[in-house]
Amino acid sequence: MTTEQTNSSSCCGGSCGPGAAAEDRGVTTVYKVSGMTCGHCEGAVSEEISALDGVTAVKAVAATGEVTVTSAAPLDEAAVRAAVDEAGYELVGRA
């Protein structure tokens, strides 16, 4: 019986998939936002936060009031607060 070896020289150089380093995926922070009640609210908050420099993904969930933000580096909470305010909602803090 032979043992298979994994080939570390994949097409993406190992920078994707389950073996990717944490820094390759960025920083994920979950915020609590009050006032979101529907999909329109989720879209408004997501749009404003997505415009911040370094943000790569935003997922807002009105039912829980949580907004998950992925960014290249940690975000300034004041900038996130300003974006949420601009959308018409209130940033409660980190979840």
N, C-alpha and C. Protein backbone atom coordinates (compact mmCIF):
# COMPACT_ATOMS: atom_id res chain seq x y z
N MET A 1 0.84 -1.17 0.00
CA MET A 1 0.00 0.00 0.00
C MET A 1 0.90 1.24 0.00
N THR A 2 0.55 2.22 -0.86
CA THR A 2 1.36 3.44 -0.94
C THR A 2 0.61 4.60 -0.30
N THR A 3 1.35 5.59 0.09
CA THR A 3 0.76 6.78 0.70
C THR A 3 0.83 7.92 -0.30
N GLU A 4 -0.32 8.59 -0.53
CA GLU A 4 -0.34 9.73 -1.44
C GLU A 4 0.23 10.95 -0.76
N GLN A 5 0.98 11.73 -1.50
CA GLN A 5 1.49 12.98 -0.99
C GLN A 5 0.69 14.11 -1.63
N THR A 6 0.44 15.15 -0.87
CA THR A 6 -0.26 16.28 -1.44
C THR A 6 0.71 17.15 -2.20
N ASN A 7 0.27 17.67 -3.30
CA ASN A 7 1.10 18.52 -4.14
C ASN A 7 0.89 19.96 -3.72
N SER A 8 1.89 20.59 -3.14
CA SER A 8 1.76 21.96 -2.66
C SER A 8 1.92 22.98 -3.77
N SER A 9 2.24 22.55 -4.98
CA SER A 9 2.39 23.50 -6.07
C SER A 9 1.14 23.50 -6.94
N SER A 10 0.03 23.96 -6.36
CA SER A 10 -1.22 24.02 -7.10
C SER A 10 -1.23 25.26 -7.99
N CYS A 11 -2.26 25.40 -8.80
CA CYS A 11 -2.35 26.53 -9.72
C CYS A 11 -2.39 27.87 -9.01
N CYS A 12 -2.84 27.89 -7.76
CA CYS A 12 -2.94 29.16 -7.04
C CYS A 12 -1.83 29.31 -6.01
N GLY A 13 -0.87 28.44 -6.02
CA GLY A 13 0.25 28.55 -5.11
C GLY A 13 -0.11 28.33 -3.66
N GLY A 14 -1.24 27.65 -3.42
CA GLY A 14 -1.65 27.35 -2.07
C GLY A 14 -2.33 28.51 -1.36
N SER A 15 -2.73 29.57 -2.11
CA SER A 15 -3.33 30.73 -1.47
C SER A 15 -4.84 30.67 -1.41
N CYS A 16 -5.41 29.53 -1.76
CA CYS A 16 -6.86 29.41 -1.66
C CYS A 16 -7.21 28.07 -1.02
N GLY A 17 -8.44 27.89 -0.70
CA GLY A 17 -8.89 26.64 -0.13
C GLY A 17 -8.65 26.57 1.36
N PRO A 18 -8.96 25.41 1.94
CA PRO A 18 -8.90 25.27 3.38
C PRO A 18 -7.52 25.46 3.98
N GLY A 19 -6.48 25.31 3.20
CA GLY A 19 -5.14 25.46 3.72
C GLY A 19 -4.61 26.88 3.67
N ALA A 20 -5.42 27.83 3.19
CA ALA A 20 -4.96 29.21 3.04
C ALA A 20 -4.67 29.83 4.41
N ALA A 21 -3.70 30.68 4.43
CA ALA A 21 -3.33 31.36 5.67
C ALA A 21 -4.39 32.39 6.02
N ALA A 22 -4.56 32.70 7.31
CA ALA A 22 -5.57 33.63 7.77
C ALA A 22 -5.39 35.01 7.14
N GLU A 23 -4.17 35.45 6.93
CA GLU A 23 -3.97 36.78 6.37
C GLU A 23 -4.44 36.86 4.93
N ASP A 24 -4.54 35.73 4.23
CA ASP A 24 -5.03 35.72 2.86
C ASP A 24 -6.53 36.00 2.81
N ARG A 25 -7.24 35.73 3.89
CA ARG A 25 -8.69 35.91 3.93
C ARG A 25 -9.07 37.27 4.50
N GLY A 26 -8.19 37.97 5.10
CA GLY A 26 -8.47 39.27 5.68
C GLY A 26 -8.98 39.16 7.10
N VAL A 27 -9.53 40.27 7.58
CA VAL A 27 -10.03 40.37 8.94
C VAL A 27 -11.55 40.37 8.89
N THR A 28 -12.18 39.54 9.72
CA THR A 28 -13.64 39.50 9.78
C THR A 28 -14.09 40.01 11.14
N THR A 29 -14.99 40.99 11.11
CA THR A 29 -15.52 41.58 12.33
C THR A 29 -17.04 41.59 12.25
N VAL A 30 -17.70 41.25 13.35
CA VAL A 30 -19.16 41.26 13.40
C VAL A 30 -19.60 42.44 14.26
N TYR A 31 -20.48 43.26 13.70
CA TYR A 31 -21.01 44.43 14.40
C TYR A 31 -22.49 44.25 14.66
N LYS A 32 -22.99 44.88 15.72
CA LYS A 32 -24.42 44.93 16.00
C LYS A 32 -24.94 46.29 15.53
N VAL A 33 -26.02 46.26 14.75
CA VAL A 33 -26.63 47.48 14.22
C VAL A 33 -28.10 47.46 14.59
N SER A 34 -28.59 48.56 15.16
CA SER A 34 -30.01 48.61 15.53
C SER A 34 -30.80 49.34 14.46
N GLY A 35 -32.05 48.92 14.30
CA GLY A 35 -32.97 49.57 13.38
C GLY A 35 -33.22 48.84 12.08
N MET A 36 -32.42 47.83 11.75
CA MET A 36 -32.64 47.09 10.50
C MET A 36 -33.85 46.18 10.68
N THR A 37 -34.78 46.22 9.71
CA THR A 37 -35.98 45.39 9.81
C THR A 37 -36.26 44.56 8.56
N CYS A 38 -35.55 44.83 7.45
CA CYS A 38 -35.90 44.13 6.20
C CYS A 38 -34.69 44.08 5.26
N GLY A 39 -34.92 43.50 4.11
CA GLY A 39 -33.87 43.39 3.11
C GLY A 39 -33.38 44.74 2.61
N HIS A 40 -34.27 45.71 2.52
CA HIS A 40 -33.85 47.05 2.10
C HIS A 40 -32.85 47.63 3.11
N CYS A 41 -33.14 47.44 4.39
CA CYS A 41 -32.23 47.90 5.44
C CYS A 41 -30.86 47.23 5.29
N GLU A 42 -30.87 45.92 5.09
CA GLU A 42 -29.63 45.17 4.92
C GLU A 42 -28.82 45.73 3.76
N GLY A 43 -29.51 46.02 2.65
CA GLY A 43 -28.84 46.56 1.47
C GLY A 43 -28.25 47.93 1.70
N ALA A 44 -28.99 48.80 2.41
CA ALA A 44 -28.51 50.15 2.67
C ALA A 44 -27.25 50.13 3.54
N VAL A 45 -27.26 49.32 4.58
CA VAL A 45 -26.10 49.21 5.47
C VAL A 45 -24.92 48.59 4.72
N SER A 46 -25.18 47.52 3.98
CA SER A 46 -24.12 46.84 3.22
C SER A 46 -23.48 47.78 2.21
N GLU A 47 -24.30 48.57 1.53
CA GLU A 47 -23.78 49.49 0.51
C GLU A 47 -22.85 50.53 1.12
N GLU A 48 -23.25 51.12 2.23
CA GLU A 48 -22.42 52.16 2.87
C GLU A 48 -21.11 51.58 3.41
N ILE A 49 -21.19 50.42 4.07
CA ILE A 49 -19.96 49.83 4.63
C ILE A 49 -19.05 49.33 3.51
N SER A 50 -19.62 48.81 2.44
CA SER A 50 -18.82 48.32 1.31
C SER A 50 -17.97 49.42 0.68
N ALA A 51 -18.41 50.67 0.82
CA ALA A 51 -17.68 51.80 0.24
C ALA A 51 -16.42 52.16 1.03
N LEU A 52 -16.26 51.62 2.23
CA LEU A 52 -15.07 51.92 3.04
C LEU A 52 -13.83 51.27 2.42
N ASP A 53 -12.71 51.97 2.47
CA ASP A 53 -11.46 51.44 1.93
C ASP A 53 -11.08 50.13 2.61
N GLY A 54 -10.72 49.14 1.82
CA GLY A 54 -10.25 47.86 2.35
C GLY A 54 -11.33 46.83 2.57
N VAL A 55 -12.61 47.21 2.50
CA VAL A 55 -13.69 46.25 2.73
C VAL A 55 -13.83 45.35 1.50
N THR A 56 -13.83 44.04 1.75
CA THR A 56 -13.94 43.08 0.66
C THR A 56 -15.28 42.35 0.64
N ALA A 57 -16.00 42.33 1.77
CA ALA A 57 -17.30 41.66 1.83
C ALA A 57 -18.10 42.17 3.01
N VAL A 58 -19.43 42.25 2.81
CA VAL A 58 -20.33 42.67 3.89
C VAL A 58 -21.58 41.80 3.81
N LYS A 59 -22.02 41.30 4.97
CA LYS A 59 -23.27 40.55 5.04
C LYS A 59 -24.06 41.07 6.23
N ALA A 60 -25.19 41.73 5.93
CA ALA A 60 -26.05 42.27 6.98
C ALA A 60 -27.27 41.37 7.12
N VAL A 61 -27.67 41.09 8.36
CA VAL A 61 -28.84 40.25 8.64
C VAL A 61 -29.77 41.02 9.57
N ALA A 62 -30.89 41.48 9.02
CA ALA A 62 -31.82 42.29 9.80
C ALA A 62 -32.39 41.52 10.99
N ALA A 63 -32.67 40.26 10.81
CA ALA A 63 -33.29 39.45 11.88
C ALA A 63 -32.45 39.41 13.15
N THR A 64 -31.13 39.43 13.00
CA THR A 64 -30.24 39.36 14.16
C THR A 64 -29.61 40.71 14.49
N GLY A 65 -29.69 41.65 13.55
CA GLY A 65 -29.04 42.94 13.73
C GLY A 65 -27.53 42.86 13.59
N GLU A 66 -27.05 41.78 13.01
CA GLU A 66 -25.60 41.60 12.87
C GLU A 66 -25.13 41.91 11.46
N VAL A 67 -23.98 42.55 11.37
CA VAL A 67 -23.35 42.86 10.10
C VAL A 67 -21.93 42.30 10.16
N THR A 68 -21.64 41.36 9.28
CA THR A 68 -20.32 40.74 9.22
C THR A 68 -19.53 41.43 8.12
N VAL A 69 -18.38 41.97 8.49
CA VAL A 69 -17.55 42.72 7.55
C VAL A 69 -16.19 42.05 7.42
N THR A 70 -15.77 41.80 6.20
CA THR A 70 -14.44 41.27 5.94
C THR A 70 -13.66 42.38 5.25
N SER A 71 -12.45 42.61 5.75
CA SER A 71 -11.62 43.68 5.21
C SER A 71 -10.17 43.23 5.16
N ALA A 72 -9.39 43.95 4.38
CA ALA A 72 -7.98 43.61 4.23
C ALA A 72 -7.22 43.83 5.53
N ALA A 73 -7.64 44.82 6.30
CA ALA A 73 -7.00 45.15 7.58
C ALA A 73 -8.10 45.58 8.54
N PRO A 74 -7.82 45.62 9.83
CA PRO A 74 -8.85 46.07 10.78
C PRO A 74 -9.36 47.46 10.41
N LEU A 75 -10.67 47.66 10.54
CA LEU A 75 -11.28 48.93 10.20
C LEU A 75 -11.35 49.85 11.42
N ASP A 76 -11.32 51.14 11.16
CA ASP A 76 -11.52 52.13 12.21
C ASP A 76 -13.01 52.12 12.55
N GLU A 77 -13.33 51.86 13.82
CA GLU A 77 -14.73 51.75 14.22
C GLU A 77 -15.50 53.04 13.97
N ALA A 78 -14.84 54.18 14.06
CA ALA A 78 -15.50 55.46 13.79
C ALA A 78 -15.94 55.54 12.33
N ALA A 79 -15.16 54.98 11.42
CA ALA A 79 -15.51 54.98 10.01
C ALA A 79 -16.72 54.07 9.76
N VAL A 80 -16.74 52.92 10.44
CA VAL A 80 -17.88 52.01 10.32
C VAL A 80 -19.12 52.67 10.90
N ARG A 81 -18.98 53.32 12.04
CA ARG A 81 -20.10 54.03 12.68
C ARG A 81 -20.66 55.11 11.73
N ALA A 82 -19.77 55.87 11.09
CA ALA A 82 -20.20 56.92 10.17
C ALA A 82 -20.94 56.32 8.97
N ALA A 83 -20.48 55.19 8.47
CA ALA A 83 -21.13 54.55 7.33
C ALA A 83 -22.53 54.06 7.71
N VAL A 84 -22.64 53.46 8.89
CA VAL A 84 -23.94 52.97 9.37
C VAL A 84 -24.87 54.15 9.61
N ASP A 85 -24.37 55.23 10.18
CA ASP A 85 -25.16 56.45 10.39
C ASP A 85 -25.66 56.99 9.05
N GLU A 86 -24.79 57.00 8.06
CA GLU A 86 -25.14 57.50 6.73
C GLU A 86 -26.28 56.68 6.12
N ALA A 87 -26.31 55.39 6.44
CA ALA A 87 -27.38 54.52 5.94
C ALA A 87 -28.69 54.74 6.71
N GLY A 88 -28.59 55.42 7.86
CA GLY A 88 -29.79 55.71 8.64
C GLY A 88 -30.03 54.78 9.82
N TYR A 89 -28.97 54.11 10.26
CA TYR A 89 -29.09 53.16 11.36
C TYR A 89 -28.06 53.48 12.43
N GLU A 90 -28.06 52.72 13.51
CA GLU A 90 -27.15 53.00 14.61
C GLU A 90 -26.23 51.80 14.88
N LEU A 91 -24.93 52.07 14.90
CA LEU A 91 -23.97 51.04 15.26
C LEU A 91 -23.96 50.91 16.76
N VAL A 92 -24.32 49.73 17.27
CA VAL A 92 -24.35 49.48 18.72
C VAL A 92 -22.93 49.17 19.20
N GLY A 93 -22.18 48.42 18.41
CA GLY A 93 -20.83 48.03 18.77
C GLY A 93 -20.50 46.70 18.12
N ARG A 94 -19.44 46.08 18.59
CA ARG A 94 -19.06 44.76 18.07
C ARG A 94 -19.89 43.69 18.74
N ALA A 95 -20.19 42.68 17.97
CA ALA A 95 -21.00 41.57 18.51
C ALA A 95 -20.15 40.64 19.33
